[in-house]
Amino acid sequence: MATEELSKQGEDSGACACPFCDGVVNMGAPWCATCEVEVSFCEACKEPLPMDATECPKCGAECKA
């Protein structure tokens, strides 16, 4: 499934694309069911963050360390 489709679907279902493997991340469980990596979310826009992010690539908000 394309990332764009998953993002649209995620808005309604509480799921999003994993930033590491594009698997499905349930917003209630902060890890990817496909690659089993723990996923952090931006406090400002709730998008998943890359592991080494210092700011959100979507909204630019500073990430907490």
Protein backbone atom coordinates (compact mmCIF):
# COMPACT_ATOMS: atom_id res chain seq x y z
CA MET A 1 0.00 0.00 0.00
CA ALA A 2 1.38 3.42 -0.91
CA THR A 3 2.46 5.67 1.96
CA GLU A 4 0.04 8.40 0.82
CA GLU A 5 -2.88 5.97 0.91
CA LEU A 6 -1.85 4.74 4.36
CA SER A 7 -1.57 8.34 5.63
CA LYS A 8 -5.10 9.11 4.45
CA GLN A 9 -6.36 5.84 5.89
CA GLY A 10 -4.42 6.46 9.11
CA GLU A 11 -6.25 9.71 9.78
CA ASP A 12 -9.44 7.72 10.15
CA SER A 13 -8.11 4.47 11.63
CA GLY A 14 -5.45 5.66 14.09
CA ALA A 15 -2.61 4.11 12.06
CA CYS A 16 0.29 5.57 10.09
CA ALA A 17 3.28 4.44 8.04
CA CYS A 18 6.45 3.43 9.87
CA PRO A 19 9.26 5.90 9.08
CA PHE A 20 11.71 2.97 8.92
CA CYS A 21 10.00 0.33 6.78
CA ASP A 22 6.61 1.79 5.68
CA GLY A 23 4.81 -0.93 7.65
CA VAL A 24 1.70 -0.06 9.67
CA VAL A 25 2.06 1.60 13.08
CA ASN A 26 -1.02 1.57 15.30
CA MET A 27 -1.10 4.91 17.14
CA GLY A 28 -2.10 3.07 20.34
CA ALA A 29 1.01 0.85 20.25
CA PRO A 30 4.19 2.87 19.68
CA TRP A 31 6.06 0.24 17.66
CA CYS A 32 5.93 -1.07 14.13
CA ALA A 33 4.27 -4.45 13.73
CA THR A 34 6.46 -5.15 10.67
CA CYS A 35 10.00 -4.20 11.75
CA GLU A 36 9.32 -4.08 15.52
CA VAL A 37 11.13 -0.75 15.96
CA GLU A 38 9.81 1.62 18.63
CA VAL A 39 8.42 4.74 16.96
CA SER A 40 8.31 8.20 18.53
CA PHE A 41 5.67 10.73 17.55
CA CYS A 42 5.86 14.51 17.23
CA GLU A 43 4.07 16.16 20.14
CA ALA A 44 2.92 19.00 17.89
CA CYS A 45 1.52 17.22 14.82
CA LYS A 46 1.48 13.54 15.97
CA GLU A 47 3.42 12.31 12.92
CA PRO A 48 5.99 9.50 13.36
CA LEU A 49 9.58 10.71 13.77
CA PRO A 50 12.81 9.27 12.37
CA MET A 51 14.99 7.75 15.12
CA ASP A 52 17.65 10.51 15.03
CA ALA A 53 15.30 13.47 14.50
CA THR A 54 16.07 16.75 16.24
CA GLU A 55 13.05 18.38 14.63
CA CYS A 56 9.89 17.06 13.02
CA PRO A 57 10.27 16.70 9.24
CA LYS A 58 6.56 17.42 8.81
CA CYS A 59 5.95 20.53 10.97
CA GLY A 60 9.44 21.61 12.07
CA ALA A 61 8.73 21.38 15.81
CA GLU A 62 11.74 20.65 18.01
CA CYS A 63 11.92 17.06 19.23
CA LYS A 64 12.53 16.32 22.90
CA ALA A 65 15.70 14.41 23.61
